[in-house]
Structures are given as structure tokens and as C-alpha cells.
Amino acid sequence: MEDHNRMRSILIGYDGSPAAEHALRWAAGEARLRGLALTVCHVWHWPYPMRPADEETLEVVRSEGAIVADEGVRKARALAGDLEVRWCLEQGSAAGSLLRASRGAVMVVVGSRGHGGFQGLPVGSTAVQVAAQASCPVVVVRSPARLDGGRIVAGVDGSPAGDAALGFAVEEAALHHDPVTAVCSWWDPATLPGPDRVPFIDPQAIRHEAIARFERAVAPWRTGHPEVLIETRFVLDSPRRALVSATHGAAMLVVGVRGIGSPPPMLLGPVPQVALHEARCPVAVVPAPEPGR
């Protein structure tokens, strides 16, 4: 197991921004708990449409990127203790390069927004794109995160990604010795106004069935991880509001990349999009398991 872990790592996207510093600190703590290497990745690019006339100019920009990567590695080593810290310098778009570098990683950790982009946005496009397309869990860190543990909130909706999100939340809780709050939201179509109201249904029966399905989804995780306290919370509200409200004082929110009801063209469902923009704690976006696994 130790030899296998040496080959695996947590990938941290680092650009020296305040959010990247918060993400680096969180990722180092996670790597220590998991006994994994930490790979610090900086992505550089030539910022103009046309390449420079001479390669020396391009090499200057690359060297500046290497300095940022070196700084990230230095800080990571100070945080990670005896763990292996790896150096990674990529050229290209930030999201595409991080996705390529993440192949085989256990998870990717990024700051909510890096240098550049539009000021005032809580989450940048790189964090959103990586969370939407990575084949492993992606943790987006906005502000200084709690490193001493706390409650972990998981969104559960019965989808494959939702079940994977609950599994990731339970795994995190076991590592940190934290409780899990599994949240399932429900709305009553009989209460909708006007033509959207659904007639001839028994809302109480639908609600009871939804609660029963929710409890069945959580039951295997309780059985498999008796050391983790899992609280279930069935909320009469929209999934977006229910999850963001549940994160007050939480150490992490975990959601699936696409839940039930997400439009097929969307790589990232509306619920994780809202969570990334509004949740104050780190948000983990978990992909659905590949078919056959």
C-alpha cells in the first residue's frame, strides 16, 4: 500500500494568488492525512495571439513561470513535512493544462480564482472548468479553510454522482474524524401556482417515498463506516438553497458533478455551480463513477 501511495498524488494548481495559497495549505494537510505525494502545478502561457519573433523572449516567460512553480514547491515542502513534493510546469490554458496534469491524480485542489479574470467574481472559469471535466474529485478552496476538522455536508439526490459524493464525504469524515450531514431536498409539485401545478397526486405519499429512498441511499455507508456519524437531513426547499444553507459552519461541502434533472448538455450541473459561487467552505465536486466500475 505504501509503495502504491508513493506513485499517487494530490495535484494542486498554484499561481501565487491568495486563493491558491489557501488551496495549497488545504492540499498539504490533506496529503499528510492520506500519506500521498503533493504535486504543485503552475501553468504559464504567452499572453498574446502571435508568438514572439525569437524563442529567447518565450523562454523568459517560461522562466518566470518556473519561478512561481519553485515558490509553490518551497511553500508546499514547508507545509507537507516528510511527504514527497513534486514540481510541475505546464504550458497552455490553465484549465486544459491542469486537466492533463491531473490524469492519475487522487484529487485536484484549486483556488476559487487566480490572477487575472474579472475582479469581483467569487469563482473563476478555471475552477469551474476543472471541476466540470476532471475524472477525479476536485476541491475548490476560496478562503482560509478550517484545518482542525468540522462537519462535512454532502448533497444526496439518488444520482450516480450523488452517491459518489456521499462516498467521498464519508471517506473525508473518516480521515478527519468528523461527522457527515447528508442533505436531500424535496419540493411539493402540488403547491406550485398556476398551470405548473401537478393535479391528482398524493404529495404525502410522494414525500414519504422520497424520504425512504434517501434513507436507503445512506444506509450502506452507515453499515460500511460505523465509525462515522452520519446525520440525514430531509429539507423542503430547492437543492441549491438547501445545500448552501446547510454549509454554515461546515468544513466542506461535497456535491456530484451532475445530479438528477441537470440538462444533458451541461458538464457541471446547476447545483454545484451555485455551490461553487455561494458556499463559504471548500467545495468538493465529485464525478460519477465510470461505467463498469
Protein backbone atom coordinates (compact mmCIF):
# COMPACT_ATOMS: atom_id res chain seq x y z
CA MET A 1 0.00 0.00 0.00
CA GLU A 2 2.81 2.43 0.88
CA ASP A 3 4.56 1.78 -2.46
CA HIS A 4 1.27 2.29 -4.27
CA ASN A 5 0.67 5.57 -2.46
CA ARG A 6 4.09 6.87 -3.43
CA MET A 7 3.02 6.75 -7.07
CA ARG A 8 -0.19 8.67 -6.42
CA SER A 9 -0.52 12.32 -5.56
CA ILE A 10 -2.79 15.24 -4.91
CA LEU A 11 -2.46 17.86 -7.64
CA ILE A 12 -2.56 21.49 -6.55
CA GLY A 13 -2.93 24.26 -9.11
CA TYR A 14 -0.71 27.11 -7.96
CA ASP A 15 -0.30 30.63 -9.37
CA GLY A 16 0.68 32.59 -6.27
CA SER A 17 -2.75 34.19 -5.86
CA PRO A 18 -4.33 34.47 -2.38
CA ALA A 19 -6.84 31.73 -3.19
CA ALA A 20 -4.03 29.47 -4.44
CA GLU A 21 -2.19 29.99 -1.14
CA HIS A 22 -5.31 28.88 0.76
CA ALA A 23 -5.68 25.89 -1.57
CA LEU A 24 -2.02 24.92 -1.12
CA ARG A 25 -2.36 24.89 2.65
CA TRP A 26 -5.53 22.76 2.45
CA ALA A 27 -3.97 20.35 -0.05
CA ALA A 28 -0.85 19.88 2.09
CA GLY A 29 -2.99 18.98 5.10
CA GLU A 30 -4.96 16.50 3.01
CA ALA A 31 -1.79 14.94 1.62
CA ARG A 32 -0.45 14.44 5.14
CA LEU A 33 -3.64 12.68 6.23
CA ARG A 34 -3.69 10.42 3.18
CA GLY A 35 0.06 9.76 3.06
CA LEU A 36 0.23 10.90 -0.56
CA ALA A 37 2.70 12.96 -2.54
CA LEU A 38 1.79 16.54 -3.40
CA THR A 39 2.26 17.77 -6.97
CA VAL A 40 2.47 21.56 -7.32
CA CYS A 41 1.49 22.58 -10.85
CA HIS A 42 1.87 26.04 -12.34
CA VAL A 43 0.59 26.81 -15.84
CA TRP A 44 2.18 29.53 -17.95
CA HIS A 45 1.23 30.86 -21.36
CA TRP A 46 2.27 33.50 -23.89
CA PRO A 47 -0.44 36.16 -23.43
CA TYR A 48 -0.56 37.42 -27.00
CA PRO A 49 -2.15 35.95 -30.16
CA MET A 50 1.14 35.75 -32.10
CA ARG A 51 4.27 34.01 -30.89
CA PRO A 52 7.32 36.20 -30.27
CA ALA A 53 9.81 36.58 -33.08
CA ASP A 54 12.57 34.95 -31.07
CA GLU A 55 12.48 31.96 -28.73
CA GLU A 56 14.50 33.81 -26.10
CA THR A 57 11.51 36.02 -25.28
CA LEU A 58 9.33 32.95 -24.89
CA GLU A 59 11.95 31.38 -22.63
CA VAL A 60 11.86 34.44 -20.38
CA VAL A 61 8.11 33.97 -19.84
CA ARG A 62 8.63 30.26 -19.20
CA SER A 63 11.38 31.04 -16.68
CA GLU A 64 9.06 33.43 -14.84
CA GLY A 65 6.53 30.60 -14.63
CA ALA A 66 9.22 28.28 -13.28
CA ILE A 67 9.94 30.80 -10.51
CA VAL A 68 6.26 30.71 -9.47
CA ALA A 69 6.31 26.89 -9.51
CA ASP A 70 9.50 26.86 -7.42
CA GLU A 71 7.89 29.17 -4.88
CA GLY A 72 4.86 26.88 -4.65
CA VAL A 73 7.08 23.84 -4.13
CA ARG A 74 9.08 25.63 -1.43
CA LYS A 75 5.93 26.53 0.48
CA ALA A 76 4.47 23.04 -0.02
CA ARG A 77 7.57 21.41 1.44
CA ALA A 78 7.34 23.64 4.48
CA LEU A 79 3.72 22.54 4.96
CA ALA A 80 3.93 18.87 3.97
CA GLY A 81 6.62 17.68 6.35
CA ASP A 82 8.26 14.46 5.17
CA LEU A 83 5.93 13.92 2.23
CA GLU A 84 7.25 13.97 -1.32
CA VAL A 85 6.53 17.23 -3.15
CA ARG A 86 6.69 17.20 -6.93
CA TRP A 87 7.30 20.07 -9.35
CA CYS A 88 5.11 20.50 -12.44
CA LEU A 89 5.28 23.30 -15.04
CA GLU A 90 2.75 23.23 -17.88
CA GLN A 91 2.22 25.48 -20.87
CA GLY A 92 -1.22 26.33 -22.28
CA SER A 93 -4.63 27.23 -20.95
CA ALA A 94 -4.91 26.88 -17.19
CA ALA A 95 -7.93 24.56 -17.22
CA GLY A 96 -6.73 22.33 -20.08
CA SER A 97 -3.24 22.01 -18.65
CA LEU A 98 -4.48 21.15 -15.14
CA LEU A 99 -6.83 18.54 -16.59
CA ARG A 100 -3.95 16.92 -18.48
CA ALA A 101 -1.73 17.02 -15.41
CA SER A 102 -4.49 15.51 -13.25
CA ARG A 103 -4.56 12.18 -15.06
CA GLY A 104 -3.95 9.56 -12.40
CA ALA A 105 -4.21 12.05 -9.52
CA VAL A 106 -6.27 11.16 -6.45
CA MET A 107 -7.79 14.64 -6.41
CA VAL A 108 -7.23 18.13 -7.73
CA VAL A 109 -7.19 21.17 -5.45
CA VAL A 110 -7.53 24.69 -6.86
CA GLY A 111 -8.20 28.14 -5.53
CA SER A 112 -11.56 29.65 -6.35
CA ARG A 113 -9.96 32.22 -8.63
CA GLY A 114 -6.42 33.03 -9.64
CA HIS A 115 -4.65 36.05 -11.04
CA GLY A 116 -6.40 37.70 -13.95
CA GLY A 117 -10.02 37.28 -14.98
CA PHE A 118 -12.83 39.55 -13.84
CA GLN A 119 -12.47 41.21 -10.48
CA GLY A 120 -15.32 40.56 -8.08
CA LEU A 121 -16.21 37.08 -9.32
CA PRO A 122 -16.13 34.60 -6.42
CA VAL A 123 -15.14 31.72 -8.72
CA GLY A 124 -13.05 31.90 -11.86
CA SER A 125 -13.53 29.99 -15.09
CA THR A 126 -10.55 27.69 -14.46
CA ALA A 127 -12.02 26.32 -11.22
CA VAL A 128 -15.40 25.77 -12.89
CA GLN A 129 -13.95 24.03 -15.96
CA VAL A 130 -11.65 21.75 -13.98
CA ALA A 131 -14.47 20.81 -11.59
CA ALA A 132 -16.75 20.05 -14.54
CA GLN A 133 -14.35 17.88 -16.53
CA ALA A 134 -11.86 16.20 -14.19
CA SER A 135 -12.04 12.43 -13.81
CA CYS A 136 -11.26 12.67 -10.08
CA PRO A 137 -12.72 14.78 -7.25
CA VAL A 138 -11.90 18.49 -7.45
CA VAL A 139 -11.77 20.61 -4.30
CA VAL A 140 -12.20 24.36 -4.78
CA VAL A 141 -10.93 26.50 -1.90
CA ARG A 142 -11.99 30.13 -1.68
CA SER A 143 -10.78 31.41 1.69
CA PRO A 144 -8.72 30.13 4.62
CA ALA A 145 -10.25 26.73 5.35
CA ARG A 146 -10.60 25.01 8.69
CA LEU A 147 -7.76 22.54 9.15
CA ASP A 148 -8.98 21.27 12.53
CA GLY A 149 -11.95 19.38 11.10
CA GLY A 150 -15.67 20.07 11.29
CA ARG A 151 -18.94 18.87 9.86
CA ILE A 152 -18.91 17.66 6.24
CA VAL A 153 -22.07 18.26 4.21
CA ALA A 154 -22.97 16.01 1.27
CA GLY A 155 -25.73 16.53 -1.28
CA VAL A 156 -27.65 13.31 -1.98
CA ASP A 157 -30.17 13.05 -4.82
CA GLY A 158 -30.04 9.40 -5.92
CA SER A 159 -27.84 10.05 -8.97
CA PRO A 160 -24.58 8.10 -9.53
CA ALA A 161 -22.57 11.27 -8.95
CA GLY A 162 -24.59 11.99 -5.81
CA ASP A 163 -23.80 8.55 -4.42
CA ALA A 164 -20.11 9.07 -5.28
CA ALA A 165 -20.25 12.43 -3.49
CA LEU A 166 -21.61 10.78 -0.34
CA GLY A 167 -18.85 8.17 -0.52
CA PHE A 168 -16.20 10.88 -0.80
CA ALA A 169 -17.75 12.77 2.13
CA VAL A 170 -17.70 9.65 4.31
CA GLU A 171 -14.08 8.95 3.33
CA GLU A 172 -13.12 12.51 4.27
CA ALA A 173 -15.03 12.26 7.54
CA ALA A 174 -13.24 9.03 8.46
CA LEU A 175 -9.85 10.66 7.81
CA HIS A 176 -10.67 13.78 9.81
CA HIS A 177 -12.82 12.07 12.49
CA ASP A 178 -15.70 14.36 11.55
CA PRO A 179 -19.47 13.81 11.27
CA VAL A 180 -21.35 13.89 7.97
CA THR A 181 -24.61 15.68 7.27
CA ALA A 182 -26.29 14.11 4.25
CA VAL A 183 -28.81 16.55 2.76
CA CYS A 184 -31.68 15.70 0.44
CA SER A 185 -34.10 18.40 -0.66
CA TRP A 186 -37.67 17.91 -1.83
CA TRP A 187 -40.26 20.19 -3.34
CA ASP A 188 -44.02 19.63 -3.49
CA PRO A 189 -45.37 19.99 -7.06
CA ALA A 190 -48.89 20.28 -5.66
CA THR A 191 -48.03 23.65 -4.14
CA LEU A 192 -46.91 25.25 -7.41
CA PRO A 193 -49.12 28.12 -8.58
CA GLY A 194 -50.95 28.33 -11.88
CA PRO A 195 -50.56 25.86 -14.76
CA ASP A 196 -47.35 24.34 -13.33
CA ARG A 197 -49.31 22.74 -10.53
CA VAL A 198 -49.49 18.95 -10.83
CA PRO A 199 -53.03 17.66 -10.16
CA PHE A 200 -54.29 14.30 -8.94
CA ILE A 201 -51.30 13.35 -6.81
CA ASP A 202 -50.81 12.46 -3.19
CA PRO A 203 -47.97 14.75 -2.03
CA GLN A 204 -47.64 12.98 1.32
CA ALA A 205 -47.13 9.62 -0.36
CA ILE A 206 -44.51 11.10 -2.69
CA ARG A 207 -42.73 12.74 0.22
CA HIS A 208 -42.65 9.53 2.27
CA GLU A 209 -41.28 7.61 -0.72
CA ALA A 210 -38.59 10.27 -1.24
CA ILE A 211 -37.56 10.03 2.41
CA ALA A 212 -37.43 6.24 2.20
CA ARG A 213 -35.23 6.36 -0.92
CA PHE A 214 -32.96 8.87 0.78
CA GLU A 215 -32.50 6.65 3.83
CA ARG A 216 -31.85 3.62 1.60
CA ALA A 217 -29.11 5.55 -0.21
CA VAL A 218 -27.40 6.44 3.06
CA ALA A 219 -27.79 3.03 4.77
CA PRO A 220 -24.87 1.22 3.03
CA TRP A 221 -22.45 3.97 4.05
CA ARG A 222 -23.58 3.74 7.67
CA THR A 223 -23.06 -0.01 7.59
CA GLY A 224 -19.69 0.20 5.85
CA HIS A 225 -18.35 3.00 8.05
CA PRO A 226 -19.79 2.58 11.55
CA GLU A 227 -17.04 4.85 12.89
CA VAL A 228 -18.54 7.84 11.04
CA LEU A 229 -21.57 9.61 12.45
CA ILE A 230 -23.93 10.27 9.51
CA GLU A 231 -26.89 12.57 10.10
CA THR A 232 -29.63 12.74 7.48
CA ARG A 233 -31.44 15.99 6.79
CA PHE A 234 -34.53 15.98 4.54
CA VAL A 235 -35.26 19.59 3.56
CA LEU A 236 -38.36 21.10 1.96
CA ASP A 237 -36.51 23.55 -0.26
CA SER A 238 -34.69 23.77 -3.57
CA PRO A 239 -31.44 21.79 -3.68
CA ARG A 240 -29.39 24.94 -4.22
CA ARG A 241 -30.75 26.80 -1.20
CA ALA A 242 -30.83 23.68 0.97
CA LEU A 243 -27.16 22.85 0.45
CA VAL A 244 -25.81 26.38 0.76
CA SER A 245 -27.82 26.89 3.96
CA ALA A 246 -26.52 23.61 5.38
CA THR A 247 -22.89 24.70 4.97
CA HIS A 248 -22.97 27.40 7.65
CA GLY A 249 -20.13 26.44 9.99
CA ALA A 250 -19.24 23.35 7.92
CA ALA A 251 -15.70 22.30 6.99
CA MET A 252 -16.62 21.11 3.49
CA LEU A 253 -19.50 20.71 1.05
CA VAL A 254 -19.44 17.69 -1.28
CA VAL A 255 -21.63 17.52 -4.38
CA GLY A 256 -21.84 15.38 -7.51
CA VAL A 257 -20.81 16.94 -10.79
CA ARG A 258 -24.29 16.48 -12.30
CA GLY A 259 -27.40 15.47 -10.41
CA ILE A 260 -30.89 14.37 -11.32
CA GLY A 261 -32.56 16.95 -13.54
CA SER A 262 -29.37 18.50 -14.91
CA PRO A 263 -29.79 19.31 -18.62
CA PRO A 264 -27.80 16.79 -20.73
CA PRO A 265 -25.52 19.39 -22.40
CA MET A 266 -24.33 20.71 -19.04
CA LEU A 267 -20.97 19.31 -17.89
CA LEU A 268 -21.49 20.90 -14.47
CA GLY A 269 -24.99 20.82 -13.02
CA PRO A 270 -26.76 23.92 -11.66
CA VAL A 271 -26.43 22.80 -8.02
CA PRO A 272 -22.60 22.54 -7.99
CA GLN A 273 -22.41 25.79 -9.93
CA VAL A 274 -24.36 27.61 -7.22
CA ALA A 275 -22.37 25.82 -4.52
CA LEU A 276 -19.06 26.97 -6.00
CA HIS A 277 -20.24 30.57 -6.09
CA GLU A 278 -22.06 30.79 -2.76
CA ALA A 279 -20.67 28.25 -0.27
CA ARG A 280 -18.05 29.74 2.05
CA CYS A 281 -16.34 26.45 2.86
CA PRO A 282 -14.25 24.35 0.43
CA VAL A 283 -16.46 22.62 -2.16
CA ALA A 284 -15.61 19.15 -3.48
CA VAL A 285 -17.14 18.27 -6.86
CA VAL A 286 -17.15 14.51 -7.44
CA PRO A 287 -17.62 12.84 -10.85
CA ALA A 288 -19.90 9.89 -11.40
CA PRO A 289 -18.09 6.53 -11.47
CA GLU A 290 -17.17 5.28 -14.92
CA PRO A 291 -19.48 2.58 -16.33
CA GLY A 292 -18.39 -0.89 -15.30
CA ARG A 293 -16.53 0.29 -12.20
